[in-house]
Protein backbone atom coordinates (compact mmCIF):
# COMPACT_ATOMS: atom_id res chain seq x y z
CA MET A 1 40.88 -85.58 -70.08
CA ARG A 2 42.39 -86.64 -66.77
CA PRO A 3 43.76 -90.22 -66.59
CA ALA A 4 42.13 -92.67 -64.20
CA LYS A 5 43.67 -93.00 -60.76
CA VAL A 6 45.97 -96.00 -60.37
CA PRO A 7 44.55 -98.36 -57.70
CA GLY A 8 46.49 -98.60 -54.44
CA GLU A 9 47.18 -102.34 -54.80
CA VAL A 10 48.74 -101.74 -58.22
CA VAL A 11 50.93 -98.93 -56.87
CA TYR A 12 51.99 -101.14 -53.94
CA GLU A 13 53.03 -104.01 -56.24
CA LYS A 14 54.84 -101.73 -58.69
CA VAL A 15 56.76 -99.85 -55.98
CA TRP A 16 57.79 -103.13 -54.33
CA ALA A 17 58.89 -104.59 -57.69
CA SER A 18 60.82 -101.42 -58.52
CA LEU A 19 62.65 -101.43 -55.17
CA CYS A 20 63.48 -105.14 -55.48
CA ALA A 21 64.81 -104.59 -59.01
CA ARG A 22 67.13 -101.82 -57.75
CA MET A 23 68.38 -103.79 -54.74
CA ASP A 24 72.08 -104.64 -54.52
CA PRO A 25 71.97 -108.41 -53.85
CA SER A 26 75.17 -108.49 -51.80
CA THR A 27 74.20 -105.72 -49.35
CA ARG A 28 70.39 -105.76 -49.88
CA ARG A 29 70.56 -101.94 -50.07
CA VAL A 30 68.21 -99.92 -52.23
CA ARG A 31 68.64 -96.32 -53.31
CA PRO A 32 65.41 -95.45 -55.08
CA SER A 33 65.29 -92.95 -57.90
CA TRP A 34 62.10 -91.05 -57.19
CA ILE A 35 61.89 -89.49 -60.65
CA GLN A 36 62.41 -92.82 -62.40
CA MET A 37 59.84 -94.55 -60.19
CA MET A 38 57.32 -91.77 -60.82
CA ARG A 39 57.78 -92.20 -64.58
CA GLU A 40 57.64 -96.02 -64.46
CA ILE A 41 54.59 -96.27 -62.21
CA GLY A 42 52.75 -93.18 -63.40
CA VAL A 43 51.96 -91.73 -59.97
CA CYS A 44 53.14 -88.74 -57.96
CA ARG A 45 55.97 -88.77 -55.44
CA GLN A 46 53.53 -88.62 -52.53
CA ARG A 47 51.81 -91.89 -53.52
CA ILE A 48 55.21 -93.58 -53.78
CA ALA A 49 56.23 -92.16 -50.38
CA ASP A 50 52.96 -93.36 -48.83
CA THR A 51 53.55 -96.84 -50.25
CA ILE A 52 57.13 -96.88 -48.94
CA ASN A 53 55.83 -95.91 -45.50
CA THR A 54 53.39 -98.84 -45.69
CA LEU A 55 56.26 -101.18 -46.64
CA LYS A 56 58.28 -99.87 -43.67
CA ALA A 57 55.33 -100.40 -41.31
CA GLU A 58 54.97 -103.98 -42.58
CA GLY A 59 58.66 -104.62 -41.93
CA LYS A 60 59.57 -105.14 -45.59
CA LEU A 61 61.93 -102.14 -45.60
CA GLU A 62 64.33 -100.63 -43.10
CA VAL A 63 65.61 -97.08 -43.33
CA VAL A 64 69.34 -96.89 -42.74
CA MET A 65 71.09 -93.61 -41.99
CA VAL A 66 74.83 -93.25 -42.58
CA PRO A 67 76.37 -90.09 -41.08
CA LYS A 68 78.74 -88.31 -43.44
CA ARG A 69 81.08 -85.43 -42.87
CA THR A 70 82.29 -83.17 -45.62
CA GLY A 71 84.55 -80.45 -44.33
CA ASP A 72 82.71 -78.57 -41.60
CA ASP A 73 79.30 -79.88 -42.67
CA ARG A 74 77.66 -82.96 -41.27
CA HIS A 75 74.80 -84.66 -43.02
CA CYS A 76 73.36 -88.13 -43.44
CA ASP A 77 73.03 -90.42 -46.41
CA TYR A 78 69.83 -92.47 -46.38
CA TYR A 79 69.02 -95.71 -48.11
CA TYR A 80 66.63 -98.61 -47.69
CA ARG A 81 67.51 -102.17 -46.79
CA ILE A 82 65.32 -105.15 -47.58
CA PRO A 83 65.69 -107.62 -44.67
């Protein structure tokens, strides 16, 4: 039997609570653990990503990109910041 779908409002509240719980209070940075959030909330990664996009659109989250260089490779480290 397939479990009932978690309502969007519940996912929204749980994702927001999870991000706030993981926030570093001094820098207000958040590095979410997708796997842990999926297990805690009981939804797929896409529903969490959709909720995070909603939070970004509402101005509750900012995406911060920090360029990093390791040897000849350049890549970016991403995290969220709660304003």
